[in-house]
Amino acid sequence: MKRTINPELDRIILDALSKRYKLTEKREGIHLSTLVYCLTKSYFDLRSPIDPTDTELLLFATGYGLQEVMFPANEQVFEKDGIIYRPDGTLPILVNGTTKLIEIKSTRSGTKRYQEGSLPETWVTYMMGGCYIMGTTIYDLGVIYLSERPHAKIISETIEFEQDELETNWSWLLTRRDMYKESLDNDTPITPFTTAKDWMCNNCRYINVCNALKVMSDKEQVDKDLNLWD
């Protein structure tokens, strides 16, 4: 048997995955998931898109693939205050005569990270937004820990929020909605590194673009400061 590394085949597979799961398709409207993450990236995704990195392609494709195989497609779309909410990977289950939509997420982290520590801030913000839109304080979540050894493990939670938590979170989302809408209306990206956590920037495909914009912005500010002394 002869084995030969074939990078060209890698490219064919990755491109096929990108097409299969529509990973470069532009999404219209302002979605709850958009507001939870970097708004500068969301702007570029719509107005000046760069193809996903190979790492991004693999991560997104495996996530979408798992969702497609294990859970029925969710066609339910909800909207409030111009924000669109469509839970991904939901599983309709009959509990005490009531159908509940349980959202399923997968992670490469081990159970220790999220069971002994907190859930990701982006997940919590998204869940609170979903609760507010749906008029409830309770969110049912199942997490599949793919990297757990010796085999994958699922741990489900019923999470209950305080109403004031939901209202505070919604006000924050509305502020970001307005920032994002203004950015699109003016065809101007939101100032880089102002709407994202550091970890979102580390592996972002737009990092060089954002760095360049920041250099230009810093230079403009220096020039403006110098002119004040003239």
Protein backbone atom coordinates (compact mmCIF):
# COMPACT_ATOMS: atom_id res chain seq x y z
CA MET A 1 0.00 0.00 0.00
CA LYS A 2 1.29 3.44 -0.92
CA ARG A 3 0.06 6.59 0.81
CA THR A 4 0.62 10.05 -0.70
CA ILE A 5 -0.36 13.37 0.86
CA ASN A 6 -2.67 15.15 -1.59
CA PRO A 7 -3.15 18.89 -0.86
CA GLU A 8 -5.15 19.35 -4.06
CA LEU A 9 -7.72 16.89 -2.74
CA ASP A 10 -7.86 18.89 0.51
CA ARG A 11 -8.87 21.95 -1.52
CA ILE A 12 -11.52 20.05 -3.45
CA ILE A 13 -13.09 18.71 -0.24
CA LEU A 14 -13.01 22.07 1.56
CA ASP A 15 -14.55 23.88 -1.41
CA ALA A 16 -17.25 21.22 -1.64
CA LEU A 17 -18.03 21.64 2.08
CA SER A 18 -18.22 25.41 1.66
CA LYS A 19 -20.71 25.01 -1.18
CA ARG A 20 -22.67 22.24 0.56
CA TYR A 21 -23.29 24.27 3.72
CA LYS A 22 -23.44 27.69 1.99
CA LEU A 23 -20.64 29.02 4.18
CA THR A 24 -20.00 32.05 1.97
CA GLU A 25 -23.66 32.93 1.46
CA LYS A 26 -24.67 36.40 2.61
CA ARG A 27 -27.47 36.49 5.18
CA GLU A 28 -30.03 39.26 4.91
CA GLY A 29 -31.56 41.03 7.88
CA ILE A 30 -30.24 41.64 11.38
CA HIS A 31 -30.02 38.35 13.26
CA LEU A 32 -29.69 37.81 16.99
CA SER A 33 -26.58 35.71 16.40
CA THR A 34 -25.05 38.58 14.39
CA LEU A 35 -25.40 41.00 17.30
CA VAL A 36 -23.77 38.62 19.77
CA TYR A 37 -20.47 38.49 17.90
CA CYS A 38 -18.18 41.07 16.26
CA LEU A 39 -20.14 43.75 14.41
CA THR A 40 -17.14 44.80 12.33
CA LYS A 41 -16.80 41.25 11.02
CA SER A 42 -20.53 41.10 10.31
CA TYR A 43 -20.22 44.30 8.26
CA PHE A 44 -17.35 42.91 6.21
CA ASP A 45 -19.18 39.61 5.71
CA LEU A 46 -21.91 41.57 3.92
CA ARG A 47 -20.01 44.36 2.19
CA SER A 48 -16.41 43.18 1.63
CA PRO A 49 -16.32 39.44 2.27
CA ILE A 50 -13.15 37.40 2.43
CA ASP A 51 -13.37 33.64 1.94
CA PRO A 52 -13.29 31.66 5.20
CA THR A 53 -9.97 30.17 6.28
CA ASP A 54 -9.56 26.41 6.03
CA THR A 55 -9.87 26.17 9.81
CA GLU A 56 -13.15 28.11 9.74
CA LEU A 57 -14.46 25.93 6.92
CA LEU A 58 -13.80 22.77 8.90
CA LEU A 59 -15.27 24.11 12.13
CA PHE A 60 -18.43 25.43 10.51
CA ALA A 61 -18.91 22.40 8.26
CA THR A 62 -18.59 19.89 11.10
CA GLY A 63 -21.02 21.92 13.22
CA TYR A 64 -23.59 22.24 10.44
CA GLY A 65 -23.09 18.62 9.46
CA LEU A 66 -23.79 17.42 13.00
CA GLN A 67 -26.86 19.60 13.18
CA GLU A 68 -28.17 18.40 9.82
CA VAL A 69 -27.75 14.71 10.61
CA MET A 70 -28.92 14.67 14.23
CA PHE A 71 -31.65 17.30 14.34
CA PRO A 72 -34.52 18.30 12.09
CA ALA A 73 -34.18 21.54 10.15
CA ASN A 74 -35.71 24.41 12.09
CA GLU A 75 -37.89 26.54 9.87
CA GLN A 76 -39.36 28.62 12.69
CA VAL A 77 -38.33 32.26 12.51
CA PHE A 78 -39.24 34.85 15.13
CA GLU A 79 -38.67 38.61 15.07
CA LYS A 80 -38.86 41.41 17.60
CA ASP A 81 -37.75 45.05 17.23
CA GLY A 82 -36.16 44.23 13.89
CA ILE A 83 -34.04 41.40 15.32
CA ILE A 84 -34.46 37.96 13.73
CA TYR A 85 -34.26 34.84 15.89
CA ARG A 86 -34.04 31.34 14.47
CA PRO A 87 -32.68 28.82 16.97
CA ASP A 88 -30.18 26.39 15.44
CA GLY A 89 -30.18 22.69 16.15
CA THR A 90 -33.51 22.59 17.98
CA LEU A 91 -35.16 19.36 18.98
CA PRO A 92 -38.95 19.30 19.52
CA ILE A 93 -39.73 17.05 22.49
CA LEU A 94 -43.05 16.33 24.21
CA VAL A 95 -42.74 17.01 27.95
CA ASN A 96 -45.83 16.63 30.15
CA GLY A 97 -48.05 17.15 27.13
CA THR A 98 -46.21 20.30 26.00
CA THR A 99 -43.86 20.49 23.04
CA LYS A 100 -40.58 22.13 24.03
CA LEU A 101 -37.89 23.34 21.68
CA ILE A 102 -34.58 22.30 23.17
CA GLU A 103 -31.55 23.94 21.59
CA ILE A 104 -28.59 21.68 21.01
CA LYS A 105 -25.03 22.97 20.88
CA SER A 106 -21.78 21.12 20.34
CA THR A 107 -18.35 22.04 21.65
CA ARG A 108 -14.79 20.74 21.45
CA SER A 109 -14.23 21.74 25.06
CA GLY A 110 -14.32 19.09 27.76
CA THR A 111 -17.18 18.96 30.27
CA LYS A 112 -14.98 20.37 33.04
CA ARG A 113 -14.64 23.74 31.33
CA TYR A 114 -18.35 24.56 31.23
CA GLN A 115 -19.61 22.46 34.12
CA GLU A 116 -17.12 23.78 36.67
CA GLY A 117 -16.90 27.15 34.98
CA SER A 118 -19.39 29.41 33.23
CA LEU A 119 -21.06 28.88 29.90
CA PRO A 120 -19.64 31.03 27.07
CA GLU A 121 -20.76 34.63 27.36
CA THR A 122 -21.94 34.59 23.75
CA TRP A 123 -24.19 31.60 24.47
CA VAL A 124 -25.71 33.30 27.50
CA THR A 125 -26.30 36.57 25.64
CA TYR A 126 -27.92 34.68 22.78
CA MET A 127 -30.13 32.61 25.10
CA MET A 128 -31.29 35.70 26.98
CA GLY A 129 -32.13 37.36 23.67
CA GLY A 130 -34.09 34.30 22.62
CA CYS A 131 -35.99 34.27 25.90
CA TYR A 132 -36.91 37.94 25.54
CA ILE A 133 -38.17 37.46 22.00
CA MET A 134 -40.21 34.40 22.99
CA GLY A 135 -41.62 35.98 26.16
CA THR A 136 -40.17 33.45 28.59
CA THR A 137 -37.48 33.36 31.26
CA ILE A 138 -36.55 29.70 30.73
CA TYR A 139 -34.18 28.25 28.16
CA ASP A 140 -33.59 24.53 27.63
CA LEU A 141 -30.11 23.66 26.41
CA GLY A 142 -28.35 20.41 25.58
CA VAL A 143 -24.59 20.51 25.07
CA ILE A 144 -22.74 17.72 23.28
CA TYR A 145 -19.10 17.61 24.39
CA LEU A 146 -17.44 16.10 21.33
CA SER A 147 -13.91 15.91 22.74
CA GLU A 148 -14.81 14.24 26.01
CA ARG A 149 -12.94 10.96 26.55
CA PRO A 150 -13.40 8.06 26.14
CA HIS A 151 -16.51 9.13 24.20
CA ALA A 152 -18.68 12.14 23.54
CA LYS A 153 -21.07 13.14 26.31
CA ILE A 154 -24.24 15.20 26.49
CA ILE A 155 -25.17 17.34 29.49
CA SER A 156 -28.48 19.21 29.39
CA GLU A 157 -29.58 22.16 31.47
CA THR A 158 -32.71 24.16 32.08
CA ILE A 159 -31.60 27.73 32.57
CA GLU A 160 -33.82 30.34 34.21
CA PHE A 161 -33.08 34.04 33.96
CA GLU A 162 -34.36 36.98 35.97
CA GLN A 163 -36.59 39.36 34.02
CA ASP A 164 -34.30 42.31 34.73
CA GLU A 165 -31.38 40.32 33.27
CA LEU A 166 -33.35 39.84 30.07
CA GLU A 167 -34.31 43.50 29.85
CA THR A 168 -30.74 44.71 30.43
CA ASN A 169 -29.45 42.29 27.84
CA TRP A 170 -32.11 43.35 25.34
CA SER A 171 -31.20 47.02 25.76
CA TRP A 172 -27.59 46.09 25.00
CA LEU A 173 -28.69 44.17 21.90
CA LEU A 174 -30.77 47.12 20.70
CA THR A 175 -27.75 49.40 21.04
CA ARG A 176 -25.71 47.03 18.92
CA ARG A 177 -28.58 46.71 16.44
CA ASP A 178 -28.56 50.48 15.96
CA MET A 179 -24.76 50.57 15.59
CA TYR A 180 -24.83 47.81 13.00
CA LYS A 181 -27.72 49.34 11.05
CA GLU A 182 -26.04 52.75 10.99
CA SER A 183 -22.84 51.12 9.77
CA LEU A 184 -24.67 49.45 6.88
CA ASP A 185 -26.68 52.58 6.05
CA ASN A 186 -23.50 54.70 5.92
CA ASP A 187 -21.49 51.96 4.20
CA THR A 188 -18.80 52.41 6.86
CA PRO A 189 -17.38 49.62 9.03
CA ILE A 190 -17.69 49.91 12.79
CA THR A 191 -14.38 50.84 14.41
CA PRO A 192 -12.30 47.65 14.70
CA PHE A 193 -11.69 46.04 18.10
CA THR A 194 -14.60 47.88 19.75
CA THR A 195 -17.40 45.30 19.55
CA ALA A 196 -15.57 42.00 20.00
CA LYS A 197 -13.73 40.03 22.63
CA ASP A 198 -10.01 39.45 22.05
CA TRP A 199 -10.55 35.76 21.31
CA MET A 200 -12.86 36.64 18.44
CA CYS A 201 -10.10 38.65 16.78
CA ASN A 202 -7.26 36.17 17.23
CA ASN A 203 -8.27 33.84 14.40
CA CYS A 204 -10.48 36.20 12.40
CA ARG A 205 -10.00 36.32 8.63
CA TYR A 206 -10.35 40.13 8.75
CA ILE A 207 -7.61 40.75 11.32
CA ASN A 208 -5.22 42.33 8.78
CA VAL A 209 -7.97 44.59 7.47
CA CYS A 210 -8.86 45.71 10.99
CA ASN A 211 -5.22 46.31 11.88
CA ALA A 212 -4.81 48.47 8.78
CA LEU A 213 -7.93 50.47 9.59
CA LYS A 214 -6.72 51.02 13.14
CA VAL A 215 -3.34 52.29 11.93
CA MET A 216 -5.09 54.75 9.61
CA SER A 217 -7.43 55.87 12.39
CA ASP A 218 -4.55 56.36 14.82
CA LYS A 219 -2.65 58.39 12.24
CA GLU A 220 -5.67 60.60 11.58
CA GLN A 221 -6.01 61.22 15.32
CA VAL A 222 -2.32 62.12 15.63
CA ASP A 223 -2.62 64.54 12.71
CA LYS A 224 -5.70 66.09 14.27
CA ASP A 225 -3.94 66.50 17.62
CA LEU A 226 -0.95 68.13 15.96
CA ASN A 227 -3.19 70.58 14.14
CA LEU A 228 -4.61 71.67 17.47
CA TRP A 229 -1.16 72.97 18.36
CA ASP A 230 -0.77 75.00 15.15
